[in-house]
Amino acid sequence: MTRQPRIEDVVISGDVIRLGQFLQLAGLVDTGGEAKEAILEGEVTVNGEVDLRRGRQLRQGDVVSLAGRAARVSA
């Protein structure tokens, strides 16, 4: 049985945030370079699907996962 990661709500200011920025804000990566690398290597999922676009626009309710950790965009 696969254990689902606990999803942490991360509040953003505004309606949207880019994927690379959100990874840093949520503490899933330390730097923009780490975010870029993780995204390009297919290690990041958005709402359960791999997304290779660092500039992807995330909105409230989107769930981002990386390395067994998950964060949800919250307003």
Protein backbone atom coordinates (compact mmCIF):
# COMPACT_ATOMS: atom_id res chain seq x y z
CA MET A 1 0.00 0.00 0.00
CA THR A 2 1.43 3.38 -1.06
CA ARG A 3 1.37 6.06 1.61
CA GLN A 4 0.19 9.48 0.45
CA PRO A 5 2.31 12.44 1.60
CA ARG A 6 0.77 14.91 4.01
CA ILE A 7 -0.24 17.98 2.03
CA GLU A 8 0.87 21.31 3.47
CA ASP A 9 -1.14 24.42 2.57
CA VAL A 10 1.07 27.28 1.38
CA VAL A 11 -0.50 30.75 1.18
CA ILE A 12 0.37 32.89 -1.85
CA SER A 13 -0.22 36.60 -2.35
CA GLY A 14 -2.23 37.11 -5.53
CA ASP A 15 -4.20 34.73 -7.71
CA VAL A 16 -1.36 32.82 -9.42
CA ILE A 17 2.27 31.83 -8.87
CA ARG A 18 4.77 30.15 -11.18
CA LEU A 19 5.77 26.56 -10.45
CA GLY A 20 9.45 27.35 -9.90
CA GLN A 21 8.61 30.13 -7.44
CA PHE A 22 6.12 27.97 -5.58
CA LEU A 23 8.63 25.16 -5.08
CA GLN A 24 10.88 27.63 -3.24
CA LEU A 25 8.05 29.31 -1.29
CA ALA A 26 6.80 25.90 -0.12
CA GLY A 27 10.31 24.88 0.97
CA LEU A 28 10.40 21.92 -1.41
CA VAL A 29 13.70 23.25 -2.84
CA ASP A 30 16.25 25.76 -1.56
CA THR A 31 17.13 27.60 -4.78
CA GLY A 32 15.75 28.48 -8.18
CA GLY A 33 18.46 26.31 -9.71
CA GLU A 34 17.26 23.30 -7.73
CA ALA A 35 13.69 24.02 -8.82
CA LYS A 36 14.72 24.20 -12.49
CA GLU A 37 16.67 20.94 -12.28
CA ALA A 38 13.90 19.03 -10.47
CA ILE A 39 11.29 20.23 -12.96
CA LEU A 40 13.39 19.43 -16.05
CA GLU A 41 14.21 15.96 -14.70
CA GLY A 42 10.49 15.17 -14.33
CA GLU A 43 10.62 14.91 -10.53
CA VAL A 44 7.81 17.44 -9.94
CA THR A 45 4.11 16.67 -10.29
CA VAL A 46 1.21 19.11 -10.39
CA ASN A 47 -2.14 17.59 -9.50
CA GLY A 48 -0.66 14.11 -9.96
CA GLU A 49 0.90 14.69 -13.40
CA VAL A 50 4.53 15.44 -14.28
CA ASP A 51 4.95 19.00 -15.54
CA LEU A 52 8.17 20.16 -17.21
CA ARG A 53 7.23 23.87 -17.36
CA ARG A 54 8.96 25.98 -14.72
CA GLY A 55 6.68 28.90 -15.64
CA ARG A 56 3.45 26.93 -15.25
CA GLN A 57 0.81 29.11 -13.62
CA LEU A 58 -0.52 27.57 -10.40
CA ARG A 59 -3.83 28.56 -8.88
CA GLN A 60 -5.55 27.98 -5.55
CA GLY A 61 -6.12 24.26 -4.95
CA ASP A 62 -3.26 23.00 -7.17
CA VAL A 63 -1.12 20.36 -5.43
CA VAL A 64 2.61 20.18 -6.15
CA SER A 65 4.66 17.12 -5.14
CA LEU A 66 8.40 16.49 -5.04
CA ALA A 67 10.43 13.77 -3.33
CA GLY A 68 7.59 12.46 -1.19
CA ARG A 69 6.48 15.91 -0.02
CA ALA A 70 3.39 17.81 -1.20
CA ALA A 71 2.14 21.38 -0.97
CA ARG A 72 -1.19 22.91 -1.97
CA VAL A 73 -1.59 26.45 -3.27
CA SER A 74 -3.78 28.35 -0.83
CA ALA A 75 -5.11 31.93 -0.77
